[in-house]
Every structure is written in C-alpha cells, then in structure tokens.
Amino acid sequence: MTEIKELKVEDIKKAAEEKKCRVQQGLYYITEFLAGPMCGRCFPCAFGSYEAKLRLLSIADGKGTENDIAALKLIAEEMAEASMCKKGKDTAAFIAALVTDGAFAEHIAGTCASGQCSAFMEYRIVADNCTACGKCKEVCTHNAVFGEKGKPFVQGYPFEIRRKKCTQCGECIAVCPEKAIIFIGKTSEPVHT
C-alpha cells in the first residue's frame, strides 16, 4: 500500500513564491491550501479561504476592483484573529503580505508587470517583420490567425491574431521563422517568456 504524503503549508508557500506574479502566488497558495492542508473545521478559515480565492481569481482575470483588495485585507485580518490553528493563521499572514504589495494595484489598473496573468497579455504579429509565409495560420487550431499567404512577387494580406479566439497556446510563436509574433502586455512593452 502506498502512503499518501500530506502537503504542508510551508511546501505550498515555497512553491507559490517561485511564481513571478504576486497575484499568481496568492492564487496558487490558496488553491493548494484549499485542496490539501485546510481542515475546514473553523468557519473563518474555510469561508475566508474560499472568498480569498474568488477575489484573487477576479483580480487575475482582469476584473478585480479596489473592493477586492480591501476584502482580501479584511479576510486576512479575520483569519489571523479567528482561525483555530496555525495553518489558518499562516495563510492569513501570507495573504496579508501579498496584498500590501503594489502588484495588486497594478492588476486593478490593468497591467501584470510579470506577464503571468493571461488576461493582461496578448499575442501580436509585427507587420513589418511578417513575410506572410502562413506558418502561424497553419499551426493555429483555434482559427485565431487571419490573413492570406503571400505568393512570389505578390504581397499577401498582413496576418493578424484575433484576440477573442486566441487561447495563448504559443504555437504560432514557435513556428514563426521571422520572430514576427510577440507576447505583449495589453498596456505595456513586449514580455520575453
């Protein structure tokens, strides 16, 4: 019989801190905490953790508001005071430390400086670098690339990426021989991943 190893809060924290984005750190931590070490015996910890996850998801999806940040601060305070065990209190301390970081305010303003939150990122084709070879269109299984392949001595239509269809799989970047496709923040400079 194989023994199931219990996930510890310290391990979750360590793994979360490897993520570049502070919002993603919080989301990872809370998701793993809910899936593992949280016992669910005290209401403040259980309810607070679930509510924190909802607020973090909203912020990561680009739909967050100042109210979400205020709610996360309140959740951390309530969990720190009312949780019955060290796990809940440690989770409260982790959330409180994250929320004081400016990254949450940046997300509310519409940017993810680390490029880890896909809601704030998009793929674009730099028209000046595109040779209209069509490889990006061929590889895109979601029909997100629009344009016409060029023919000798005839310029094709410039390729574009339909943002609503793009799943950000990265296949187009991988096949582009001209490096004409970039991953860019919707309100920032290109992000090199």
N, C-alpha and C. Protein backbone atom coordinates (compact mmCIF):
# COMPACT_ATOMS: atom_id res chain seq x y z
N MET A 1 0.84 -1.17 0.00
CA MET A 1 0.00 0.00 0.00
C MET A 1 0.90 1.25 0.00
N THR A 2 0.61 2.17 -0.91
CA THR A 2 1.41 3.40 -0.97
C THR A 2 0.88 4.42 0.03
N GLU A 3 1.81 5.10 0.63
CA GLU A 3 1.46 6.11 1.62
C GLU A 3 1.28 7.46 0.94
N ILE A 4 0.21 8.16 1.26
CA ILE A 4 -0.06 9.48 0.69
C ILE A 4 0.63 10.52 1.57
N LYS A 5 1.47 11.30 0.95
CA LYS A 5 2.20 12.33 1.69
C LYS A 5 1.32 13.57 1.84
N GLU A 6 1.18 14.04 3.07
CA GLU A 6 0.37 15.22 3.34
C GLU A 6 1.12 16.48 2.92
N LEU A 7 0.45 17.33 2.18
CA LEU A 7 1.03 18.59 1.73
C LEU A 7 1.05 19.57 2.89
N LYS A 8 2.19 20.19 3.12
CA LYS A 8 2.34 21.12 4.23
C LYS A 8 2.26 22.55 3.73
N VAL A 9 1.80 23.44 4.62
CA VAL A 9 1.66 24.86 4.30
C VAL A 9 3.02 25.44 3.87
N GLU A 10 4.09 25.02 4.51
CA GLU A 10 5.43 25.53 4.17
C GLU A 10 5.81 25.16 2.74
N ASP A 11 5.43 23.94 2.31
CA ASP A 11 5.73 23.50 0.94
C ASP A 11 4.93 24.31 -0.07
N ILE A 12 3.67 24.57 0.26
CA ILE A 12 2.82 25.37 -0.64
C ILE A 12 3.38 26.78 -0.76
N LYS A 13 3.78 27.35 0.35
CA LYS A 13 4.34 28.71 0.35
C LYS A 13 5.60 28.77 -0.50
N LYS A 14 6.46 27.79 -0.35
CA LYS A 14 7.70 27.75 -1.12
C LYS A 14 7.42 27.66 -2.63
N ALA A 15 6.49 26.80 -3.00
CA ALA A 15 6.13 26.65 -4.42
C ALA A 15 5.48 27.92 -4.95
N ALA A 16 4.63 28.55 -4.14
CA ALA A 16 3.95 29.79 -4.56
C ALA A 16 4.95 30.90 -4.80
N GLU A 17 5.96 31.00 -3.95
CA GLU A 17 6.94 32.08 -4.07
C GLU A 17 7.82 31.95 -5.30
N GLU A 18 7.79 30.81 -5.98
CA GLU A 18 8.54 30.63 -7.23
C GLU A 18 7.86 31.33 -8.40
N LYS A 19 6.60 31.64 -8.26
CA LYS A 19 5.87 32.34 -9.33
C LYS A 19 6.29 33.80 -9.34
N LYS A 20 6.38 34.39 -10.53
CA LYS A 20 6.84 35.77 -10.68
C LYS A 20 5.79 36.80 -10.28
N CYS A 21 4.54 36.48 -10.52
CA CYS A 21 3.44 37.41 -10.26
C CYS A 21 2.90 37.21 -8.84
N ARG A 22 2.76 38.30 -8.10
CA ARG A 22 2.27 38.22 -6.72
C ARG A 22 0.82 37.73 -6.66
N VAL A 23 0.01 38.12 -7.63
CA VAL A 23 -1.38 37.66 -7.67
C VAL A 23 -1.40 36.15 -7.92
N GLN A 24 -0.56 35.68 -8.84
CA GLN A 24 -0.49 34.25 -9.11
C GLN A 24 0.06 33.48 -7.91
N GLN A 25 0.96 34.10 -7.15
CA GLN A 25 1.45 33.47 -5.92
C GLN A 25 0.29 33.22 -4.97
N GLY A 26 -0.52 34.26 -4.77
CA GLY A 26 -1.67 34.15 -3.88
C GLY A 26 -2.68 33.13 -4.35
N LEU A 27 -2.95 33.13 -5.64
CA LEU A 27 -3.92 32.21 -6.22
C LEU A 27 -3.45 30.76 -6.08
N TYR A 28 -2.18 30.54 -6.38
CA TYR A 28 -1.62 29.20 -6.24
C TYR A 28 -1.69 28.73 -4.78
N TYR A 29 -1.26 29.59 -3.87
CA TYR A 29 -1.24 29.25 -2.45
C TYR A 29 -2.63 28.87 -1.96
N ILE A 30 -3.60 29.73 -2.22
CA ILE A 30 -4.96 29.50 -1.73
C ILE A 30 -5.56 28.24 -2.35
N THR A 31 -5.36 28.05 -3.65
CA THR A 31 -5.89 26.87 -4.32
C THR A 31 -5.33 25.59 -3.71
N GLU A 32 -4.02 25.56 -3.50
CA GLU A 32 -3.38 24.39 -2.91
C GLU A 32 -3.77 24.21 -1.45
N PHE A 33 -3.92 25.30 -0.72
CA PHE A 33 -4.32 25.24 0.68
C PHE A 33 -5.72 24.63 0.79
N LEU A 34 -6.62 25.07 -0.08
CA LEU A 34 -7.98 24.53 -0.06
C LEU A 34 -8.01 23.05 -0.44
N ALA A 35 -7.13 22.64 -1.34
CA ALA A 35 -7.10 21.25 -1.81
C ALA A 35 -6.41 20.31 -0.83
N GLY A 36 -5.61 20.85 0.08
CA GLY A 36 -4.83 19.98 0.93
C GLY A 36 -4.94 20.23 2.40
N PRO A 37 -4.07 21.06 2.95
CA PRO A 37 -3.95 21.17 4.40
C PRO A 37 -5.11 21.83 5.14
N MET A 38 -5.98 22.54 4.47
CA MET A 38 -7.08 23.17 5.19
C MET A 38 -8.03 22.09 5.69
N CYS A 39 -8.31 22.11 6.97
CA CYS A 39 -9.16 21.06 7.55
C CYS A 39 -10.65 21.40 7.42
N GLY A 40 -10.97 22.69 7.37
CA GLY A 40 -12.36 23.10 7.23
C GLY A 40 -13.15 23.06 8.53
N ARG A 41 -12.48 22.91 9.67
CA ARG A 41 -13.18 22.81 10.95
C ARG A 41 -13.60 24.15 11.53
N CYS A 42 -12.89 25.21 11.15
CA CYS A 42 -13.31 26.52 11.69
C CYS A 42 -13.80 27.40 10.54
N PHE A 43 -14.91 28.04 10.79
CA PHE A 43 -15.59 28.84 9.78
C PHE A 43 -14.72 29.97 9.22
N PRO A 44 -14.02 30.76 10.03
CA PRO A 44 -13.25 31.88 9.48
C PRO A 44 -12.20 31.44 8.45
N CYS A 45 -11.55 30.35 8.71
CA CYS A 45 -10.51 29.87 7.79
C CYS A 45 -11.14 29.32 6.51
N ALA A 46 -12.12 28.45 6.66
CA ALA A 46 -12.76 27.83 5.49
C ALA A 46 -13.44 28.87 4.60
N PHE A 47 -14.29 29.69 5.20
CA PHE A 47 -15.01 30.69 4.44
C PHE A 47 -14.05 31.74 3.87
N GLY A 48 -13.10 32.18 4.70
CA GLY A 48 -12.14 33.18 4.27
C GLY A 48 -11.28 32.71 3.12
N SER A 49 -10.85 31.46 3.16
CA SER A 49 -10.01 30.91 2.08
C SER A 49 -10.78 30.84 0.76
N TYR A 50 -12.02 30.37 0.83
CA TYR A 50 -12.82 30.30 -0.40
C TYR A 50 -13.10 31.70 -0.96
N GLU A 51 -13.42 32.62 -0.08
CA GLU A 51 -13.68 34.00 -0.53
C GLU A 51 -12.41 34.63 -1.10
N ALA A 52 -11.27 34.36 -0.46
CA ALA A 52 -9.99 34.89 -0.96
C ALA A 52 -9.70 34.35 -2.36
N LYS A 53 -10.00 33.08 -2.58
CA LYS A 53 -9.77 32.51 -3.90
C LYS A 53 -10.62 33.21 -4.96
N LEU A 54 -11.87 33.46 -4.65
CA LEU A 54 -12.76 34.15 -5.59
C LEU A 54 -12.23 35.56 -5.91
N ARG A 55 -11.78 36.26 -4.89
CA ARG A 55 -11.25 37.62 -5.09
C ARG A 55 -9.97 37.57 -5.92
N LEU A 56 -9.09 36.63 -5.65
CA LEU A 56 -7.84 36.50 -6.40
C LEU A 56 -8.10 36.13 -7.86
N LEU A 57 -9.06 35.24 -8.09
CA LEU A 57 -9.43 34.89 -9.46
C LEU A 57 -9.93 36.12 -10.22
N SER A 58 -10.73 36.92 -9.58
CA SER A 58 -11.26 38.14 -10.19
C SER A 58 -10.12 39.08 -10.58
N ILE A 59 -9.16 39.25 -9.69
CA ILE A 59 -8.02 40.14 -9.97
C ILE A 59 -7.16 39.57 -11.10
N ALA A 60 -6.89 38.27 -11.07
CA ALA A 60 -6.06 37.64 -12.11
C ALA A 60 -6.74 37.67 -13.47
N ASP A 61 -8.08 37.66 -13.48
CA ASP A 61 -8.83 37.69 -14.74
C ASP A 61 -9.05 39.09 -15.28
N GLY A 62 -8.48 40.10 -14.61
CA GLY A 62 -8.61 41.47 -15.08
C GLY A 62 -9.94 42.11 -14.72
N LYS A 63 -10.68 41.51 -13.81
CA LYS A 63 -12.00 42.03 -13.43
C LYS A 63 -12.00 42.57 -12.01
N GLY A 64 -10.85 42.59 -11.37
CA GLY A 64 -10.75 43.00 -9.98
C GLY A 64 -10.96 44.49 -9.79
N THR A 65 -11.35 44.84 -8.58
CA THR A 65 -11.56 46.23 -8.20
C THR A 65 -10.85 46.50 -6.88
N GLU A 66 -10.86 47.74 -6.48
CA GLU A 66 -10.31 48.13 -5.18
C GLU A 66 -11.04 47.40 -4.06
N ASN A 67 -12.31 47.10 -4.27
CA ASN A 67 -13.08 46.37 -3.26
C ASN A 67 -12.52 44.98 -3.02
N ASP A 68 -11.98 44.36 -4.07
CA ASP A 68 -11.38 43.03 -3.92
C ASP A 68 -10.13 43.11 -3.04
N ILE A 69 -9.33 44.13 -3.24
CA ILE A 69 -8.13 44.31 -2.41
C ILE A 69 -8.53 44.56 -0.96
N ALA A 70 -9.52 45.43 -0.75
CA ALA A 70 -10.00 45.71 0.61
C ALA A 70 -10.56 44.45 1.26
N ALA A 71 -11.28 43.64 0.48
CA ALA A 71 -11.85 42.40 1.01
C ALA A 71 -10.75 41.42 1.39
N LEU A 72 -9.71 41.33 0.58
CA LEU A 72 -8.59 40.43 0.91
C LEU A 72 -7.89 40.85 2.20
N LYS A 73 -7.74 42.16 2.38
CA LYS A 73 -7.14 42.65 3.63
C LYS A 73 -8.01 42.27 4.83
N LEU A 74 -9.31 42.45 4.70
CA LEU A 74 -10.24 42.11 5.77
C LEU A 74 -10.24 40.60 6.04
N ILE A 75 -10.23 39.81 4.99
CA ILE A 75 -10.19 38.35 5.14
C ILE A 75 -8.94 37.94 5.91
N ALA A 76 -7.80 38.51 5.54
CA ALA A 76 -6.54 38.18 6.23
C ALA A 76 -6.61 38.55 7.71
N GLU A 77 -7.16 39.73 8.01
CA GLU A 77 -7.29 40.15 9.41
C GLU A 77 -8.19 39.21 10.19
N GLU A 78 -9.34 38.87 9.62
CA GLU A 78 -10.30 37.99 10.30
C GLU A 78 -9.73 36.59 10.49
N MET A 79 -9.07 36.07 9.46
CA MET A 79 -8.48 34.73 9.58
C MET A 79 -7.36 34.70 10.62
N ALA A 80 -6.56 35.75 10.65
CA ALA A 80 -5.45 35.80 11.61
C ALA A 80 -5.97 35.80 13.04
N GLU A 81 -7.07 36.47 13.25
CA GLU A 81 -7.62 36.58 14.60
C GLU A 81 -8.45 35.37 15.00
N ALA A 82 -9.24 34.84 14.07
CA ALA A 82 -10.24 33.85 14.45
C ALA A 82 -9.94 32.40 14.06
N SER A 83 -8.93 32.16 13.22
CA SER A 83 -8.61 30.79 12.86
C SER A 83 -8.12 30.03 14.09
N MET A 84 -8.50 28.78 14.19
CA MET A 84 -8.17 28.00 15.38
C MET A 84 -6.79 27.35 15.31
N CYS A 85 -6.23 27.22 14.13
CA CYS A 85 -4.94 26.52 14.02
C CYS A 85 -3.88 27.39 13.35
N LYS A 86 -2.68 26.93 13.43
CA LYS A 86 -1.53 27.63 12.85
C LYS A 86 -1.63 27.71 11.33
N LYS A 87 -2.18 26.68 10.71
CA LYS A 87 -2.31 26.66 9.23
C LYS A 87 -3.15 27.85 8.76
N GLY A 88 -4.26 28.09 9.41
CA GLY A 88 -5.12 29.21 9.05
C GLY A 88 -4.46 30.54 9.30
N LYS A 89 -3.76 30.63 10.42
CA LYS A 89 -3.07 31.88 10.76
C LYS A 89 -1.91 32.15 9.80
N ASP A 90 -1.20 31.09 9.39
CA ASP A 90 -0.11 31.24 8.42
C ASP A 90 -0.66 31.67 7.06
N THR A 91 -1.80 31.12 6.69
CA THR A 91 -2.43 31.51 5.43
C THR A 91 -2.85 32.97 5.47
N ALA A 92 -3.39 33.40 6.58
CA ALA A 92 -3.77 34.80 6.76
C ALA A 92 -2.56 35.72 6.62
N ALA A 93 -1.45 35.32 7.23
CA ALA A 93 -0.21 36.12 7.14
C ALA A 93 0.29 36.18 5.69
N PHE A 94 0.19 35.09 4.97
CA PHE A 94 0.63 35.07 3.58
C PHE A 94 -0.22 36.01 2.73
N ILE A 95 -1.52 35.95 2.90
CA ILE A 95 -2.44 36.82 2.15
C ILE A 95 -2.16 38.29 2.50
N ALA A 96 -2.02 38.58 3.79
CA ALA A 96 -1.78 39.96 4.23
C ALA A 96 -0.50 40.53 3.62
N ALA A 97 0.55 39.72 3.56
CA ALA A 97 1.82 40.18 2.99
C ALA A 97 1.69 40.45 1.49
N LEU A 98 0.94 39.62 0.80
CA LEU A 98 0.76 39.80 -0.65
C LEU A 98 -0.02 41.07 -0.98
N VAL A 99 -1.07 41.30 -0.25
CA VAL A 99 -1.99 42.41 -0.55
C VAL A 99 -1.32 43.77 -0.39
N THR A 100 -0.32 43.85 0.48
CA THR A 100 0.35 45.14 0.67
C THR A 100 1.29 45.47 -0.48
N ASP A 101 1.55 44.49 -1.34
CA ASP A 101 2.43 44.69 -2.49
C ASP A 101 1.70 45.50 -3.57
N GLY A 102 2.40 46.32 -4.28
CA GLY A 102 1.81 47.16 -5.33
C GLY A 102 1.31 46.39 -6.54
N ALA A 103 1.66 45.12 -6.65
CA ALA A 103 1.24 44.32 -7.81
C ALA A 103 -0.28 44.21 -7.90
N PHE A 104 -0.94 44.16 -6.77
CA PHE A 104 -2.41 44.06 -6.79
C PHE A 104 -3.02 45.33 -7.37
N ALA A 105 -2.50 46.48 -6.99
CA ALA A 105 -2.99 47.74 -7.54
C ALA A 105 -2.71 47.84 -9.03
N GLU A 106 -1.55 47.33 -9.46
CA GLU A 106 -1.23 47.32 -10.90
C GLU A 106 -2.24 46.48 -11.67
N HIS A 107 -2.61 45.34 -11.12
CA HIS A 107 -3.60 44.49 -11.78
C HIS A 107 -4.95 45.20 -11.89
N ILE A 108 -5.33 45.89 -10.84
CA ILE A 108 -6.60 46.63 -10.87
C ILE A 108 -6.53 47.72 -11.95
N ALA A 109 -5.34 48.30 -12.13
CA ALA A 109 -5.14 49.34 -13.15
C ALA A 109 -5.01 48.76 -14.56
N GLY A 110 -4.89 47.42 -14.68
CA GLY A 110 -4.88 46.80 -16.00
C GLY A 110 -3.55 46.29 -16.50
N THR A 111 -2.58 46.07 -15.61
CA THR A 111 -1.30 45.52 -16.06
C THR A 111 -0.81 44.42 -15.12
N CYS A 112 -0.08 43.49 -15.72
CA CYS A 112 0.62 42.46 -14.95
C CYS A 112 2.07 42.56 -15.38
N ALA A 113 2.89 43.23 -14.58
CA ALA A 113 4.28 43.50 -14.95
C ALA A 113 5.09 42.25 -15.21
N SER A 114 4.73 41.14 -14.57
CA SER A 114 5.49 39.90 -14.75
C SER A 114 5.06 39.14 -15.99
N GLY A 115 3.92 39.48 -16.57
CA GLY A 115 3.44 38.78 -17.76
C GLY A 115 2.87 37.41 -17.47
N GLN A 116 2.48 37.14 -16.24
CA GLN A 116 1.99 35.82 -15.86
C GLN A 116 0.47 35.70 -15.90
N CYS A 117 -0.24 36.79 -15.92
CA CYS A 117 -1.70 36.75 -15.95
C CYS A 117 -2.17 36.96 -17.39
N SER A 118 -2.69 35.92 -17.97
CA SER A 118 -3.04 35.95 -19.40
C SER A 118 -4.11 36.99 -19.74
N ALA A 119 -4.92 37.38 -18.79
CA ALA A 119 -5.95 38.40 -19.05
C ALA A 119 -5.34 39.74 -19.44
N PHE A 120 -4.08 39.96 -19.07
CA PHE A 120 -3.41 41.23 -19.35
C PHE A 120 -2.42 41.12 -20.50
N MET A 121 -2.38 39.96 -21.14
CA MET A 121 -1.39 39.70 -22.18
C MET A 121 -2.08 39.31 -23.49
N GLU A 122 -1.37 39.51 -24.60
CA GLU A 122 -1.90 39.09 -25.89
C GLU A 122 -0.76 38.85 -26.87
N TYR A 123 -1.05 38.05 -27.87
CA TYR A 123 -0.10 37.82 -28.95
C TYR A 123 -0.39 38.81 -30.07
N ARG A 124 0.67 39.34 -30.65
CA ARG A 124 0.52 40.26 -31.78
C ARG A 124 1.53 39.90 -32.86
N ILE A 125 1.15 40.16 -34.09
CA ILE A 125 2.06 39.98 -35.22
C ILE A 125 2.58 41.36 -35.63
N VAL A 126 3.90 41.49 -35.65
CA VAL A 126 4.53 42.74 -36.07
C VAL A 126 4.55 42.72 -37.60
N ALA A 127 3.70 43.52 -38.21
CA ALA A 127 3.51 43.51 -39.66
C ALA A 127 4.81 43.74 -40.43
N ASP A 128 5.68 44.62 -39.94
CA ASP A 128 6.93 44.91 -40.63
C ASP A 128 7.87 43.71 -40.68
N ASN A 129 7.73 42.79 -39.74
CA ASN A 129 8.60 41.61 -39.70
C ASN A 129 7.98 40.39 -40.38
N CYS A 130 6.68 40.42 -40.61
CA CYS A 130 5.95 39.29 -41.17
C CYS A 130 6.20 39.17 -42.68
N THR A 131 6.55 37.97 -43.12
CA THR A 131 6.78 37.72 -44.56
C THR A 131 5.58 37.03 -45.21
N ALA A 132 4.48 36.89 -44.47
CA ALA A 132 3.26 36.26 -44.95
C ALA A 132 3.49 34.82 -45.41
N CYS A 133 4.32 34.08 -44.66
CA CYS A 133 4.59 32.68 -45.01
C CYS A 133 3.42 31.77 -44.67
N GLY A 134 2.59 32.16 -43.71
CA GLY A 134 1.39 31.41 -43.36
C GLY A 134 1.59 30.28 -42.37
N LYS A 135 2.80 30.11 -41.86
CA LYS A 135 3.05 29.01 -40.92
C LYS A 135 2.25 29.16 -39.64
N CYS A 136 2.08 30.39 -39.18
CA CYS A 136 1.31 30.63 -37.96
C CYS A 136 -0.16 30.25 -38.16
N LYS A 137 -0.69 30.55 -39.32
CA LYS A 137 -2.08 30.23 -39.61
C LYS A 137 -2.28 28.72 -39.72
N GLU A 138 -1.30 28.04 -40.32
CA GLU A 138 -1.38 26.59 -40.47
C GLU A 138 -1.39 25.87 -39.13
N VAL A 139 -0.60 26.36 -38.19
CA VAL A 139 -0.46 25.68 -36.90
C VAL A 139 -1.57 26.03 -35.90
N CYS A 140 -2.29 27.10 -36.14
CA CYS A 140 -3.33 27.56 -35.19
C CYS A 140 -4.58 26.70 -35.32
N THR A 141 -4.83 25.89 -34.30
CA THR A 141 -6.00 25.00 -34.31
C THR A 141 -7.29 25.71 -33.88
N HIS A 142 -7.17 26.96 -33.47
CA HIS A 142 -8.33 27.72 -32.99
C HIS A 142 -8.79 28.78 -34.00
N ASN A 143 -8.20 28.78 -35.18
CA ASN A 143 -8.53 29.74 -36.23
C ASN A 143 -8.43 31.18 -35.75
N ALA A 144 -7.41 31.45 -34.95
CA ALA A 144 -7.22 32.79 -34.42
C ALA A 144 -6.36 33.67 -35.33
N VAL A 145 -5.65 33.06 -36.27
CA VAL A 145 -4.79 33.83 -37.17
C VAL A 145 -5.54 34.08 -38.47
N PHE A 146 -5.57 35.34 -38.86
CA PHE A 146 -6.31 35.76 -40.05
C PHE A 146 -5.33 36.40 -41.01
N GLY A 147 -5.45 36.12 -42.30
CA GLY A 147 -4.59 36.71 -43.32
C GLY A 147 -4.44 35.77 -44.50
N GLU A 148 -3.70 36.23 -45.50
CA GLU A 148 -3.52 35.43 -46.70
C GLU A 148 -2.03 35.25 -46.97
N LYS A 149 -1.66 34.03 -47.27
CA LYS A 149 -0.28 33.69 -47.54
C LYS A 149 0.19 34.42 -48.81
N GLY A 150 1.40 34.96 -48.74
CA GLY A 150 1.96 35.69 -49.88
C GLY A 150 2.44 34.74 -50.97
N LYS A 151 2.43 35.22 -52.20
CA LYS A 151 2.92 34.45 -53.36
C LYS A 151 4.12 35.20 -53.93
N PRO A 152 4.98 34.50 -54.67
CA PRO A 152 6.14 35.19 -55.25
C PRO A 152 5.72 36.45 -56.02
N PHE A 153 6.36 37.55 -55.71
CA PHE A 153 6.16 38.85 -56.36
C PHE A 153 4.79 39.48 -56.09
N VAL A 154 4.00 38.87 -55.21
CA VAL A 154 2.70 39.42 -54.84
C VAL A 154 2.63 39.41 -53.31
N GLN A 155 2.40 40.55 -52.74
CA GLN A 155 2.32 40.65 -51.29
C GLN A 155 1.00 40.09 -50.81
N GLY A 156 1.03 39.22 -49.80
CA GLY A 156 -0.18 38.69 -49.19
C GLY A 156 -0.77 39.71 -48.23
N TYR A 157 -1.96 39.42 -47.77
CA TYR A 157 -2.57 40.28 -46.77
C TYR A 157 -1.81 40.11 -45.46
N PRO A 158 -1.63 41.17 -44.73
CA PRO A 158 -0.90 41.02 -43.46
C PRO A 158 -1.68 40.12 -42.49
N PHE A 159 -0.96 39.28 -41.80
CA PHE A 159 -1.59 38.39 -40.83
C PHE A 159 -1.88 39.14 -39.54
N GLU A 160 -2.97 38.77 -38.90
CA GLU A 160 -3.37 39.34 -37.62
C GLU A 160 -3.87 38.21 -36.73
N ILE A 161 -3.82 38.45 -35.44
CA ILE A 161 -4.34 37.47 -34.49
C ILE A 161 -5.64 37.99 -33.91
N ARG A 162 -6.68 37.20 -34.06
CA ARG A 162 -7.98 37.55 -33.49
C ARG A 162 -7.92 37.27 -32.00
N ARG A 163 -7.91 38.30 -31.21
CA ARG A 163 -7.71 38.17 -29.77
C ARG A 163 -8.78 37.34 -29.07
N LYS A 164 -10.01 37.43 -29.54
CA LYS A 164 -11.09 36.69 -28.88
C LYS A 164 -10.99 35.19 -29.12
N LYS A 165 -10.34 34.78 -30.20
CA LYS A 165 -10.19 33.35 -30.48
C LYS A 165 -8.87 32.79 -29.96
N CYS A 166 -7.92 33.66 -29.70
CA CYS A 166 -6.58 33.22 -29.29
C CYS A 166 -6.62 32.62 -27.89
N THR A 167 -6.07 31.42 -27.74
CA THR A 167 -6.00 30.74 -26.44
C THR A 167 -4.63 30.91 -25.79
N GLN A 168 -3.74 31.63 -26.44
CA GLN A 168 -2.39 31.89 -25.95
C GLN A 168 -1.61 30.60 -25.74
N CYS A 169 -1.76 29.68 -26.69
CA CYS A 169 -1.04 28.40 -26.59
C CYS A 169 0.44 28.55 -26.95
N GLY A 170 0.78 29.56 -27.75
CA GLY A 170 2.18 29.81 -28.09
C GLY A 170 2.69 29.06 -29.31
N GLU A 171 1.84 28.27 -29.95
CA GLU A 171 2.27 27.50 -31.12
C GLU A 171 2.71 28.42 -32.27
N CYS A 172 2.04 29.54 -32.44
CA CYS A 172 2.38 30.46 -33.53
C CYS A 172 3.78 31.05 -33.34
N ILE A 173 4.14 31.38 -32.13
CA ILE A 173 5.47 31.92 -31.86
C ILE A 173 6.53 30.88 -32.19
N ALA A 174 6.24 29.63 -31.84
CA ALA A 174 7.21 28.55 -32.04
C ALA A 174 7.54 28.30 -33.51
N VAL A 175 6.58 28.53 -34.41
CA VAL A 175 6.82 28.21 -35.82
C VAL A 175 7.21 29.42 -36.68
N CYS A 176 7.10 30.62 -36.14
CA CYS A 176 7.38 31.82 -36.93
C CYS A 176 8.89 31.94 -37.20
N PRO A 177 9.31 31.82 -38.48
CA PRO A 177 10.75 31.89 -38.79
C PRO A 177 11.31 33.30 -38.68
N GLU A 178 10.46 34.30 -38.72
CA GLU A 178 10.91 35.69 -38.70
C GLU A 178 10.81 36.33 -37.32
N LYS A 179 10.34 35.57 -36.33
CA LYS A 179 10.13 36.10 -34.97
C LYS A 179 9.24 37.34 -35.01
N ALA A 180 8.20 37.27 -35.87
CA ALA A 180 7.29 38.40 -36.07
C ALA A 180 6.14 38.40 -35.07
N ILE A 181 6.01 37.35 -34.27
CA ILE A 181 4.93 37.28 -33.30
C ILE A 181 5.51 37.52 -31.91
N ILE A 182 4.88 38.46 -31.21
CA ILE A 182 5.36 38.81 -29.88
C ILE A 182 4.25 38.62 -28.86
N PHE A 183 4.65 38.38 -27.63
CA PHE A 183 3.73 38.27 -26.50
C PHE A 183 3.87 39.58 -25.75
N ILE A 184 2.79 40.32 -25.67
CA ILE A 184 2.90 41.70 -25.17
C ILE A 184 1.79 41.99 -24.16
N GLY A 185 2.12 42.83 -23.22
CA GLY A 185 1.11 43.31 -22.29
C GLY A 185 0.16 44.24 -23.03
N LYS A 186 -1.09 44.17 -22.72
CA LYS A 186 -2.08 44.99 -23.42
C LYS A 186 -1.81 46.48 -23.25
N THR A 187 -1.12 46.84 -22.17
CA THR A 187 -0.80 48.26 -21.96
C THR A 187 0.69 48.44 -21.69
N SER A 188 1.51 47.52 -22.19
CA SER A 188 2.94 47.62 -21.90
C SER A 188 3.79 47.18 -23.08
N GLU A 189 5.07 47.02 -22.83
CA GLU A 189 6.04 46.61 -23.83
C GLU A 189 6.05 45.08 -23.94
N PRO A 190 6.70 44.52 -24.99
CA PRO A 190 6.77 43.06 -25.14
C PRO A 190 7.38 42.39 -23.91
N VAL A 191 6.83 41.23 -23.61
CA VAL A 191 7.33 40.42 -22.50
C VAL A 191 8.04 39.22 -23.09
N HIS A 192 9.24 38.98 -22.65
CA HIS A 192 10.01 37.83 -23.15
C HIS A 192 9.89 36.71 -22.16
N THR A 193 9.20 35.62 -22.57
CA THR A 193 9.00 34.49 -21.67
C THR A 193 9.87 33.34 -22.04
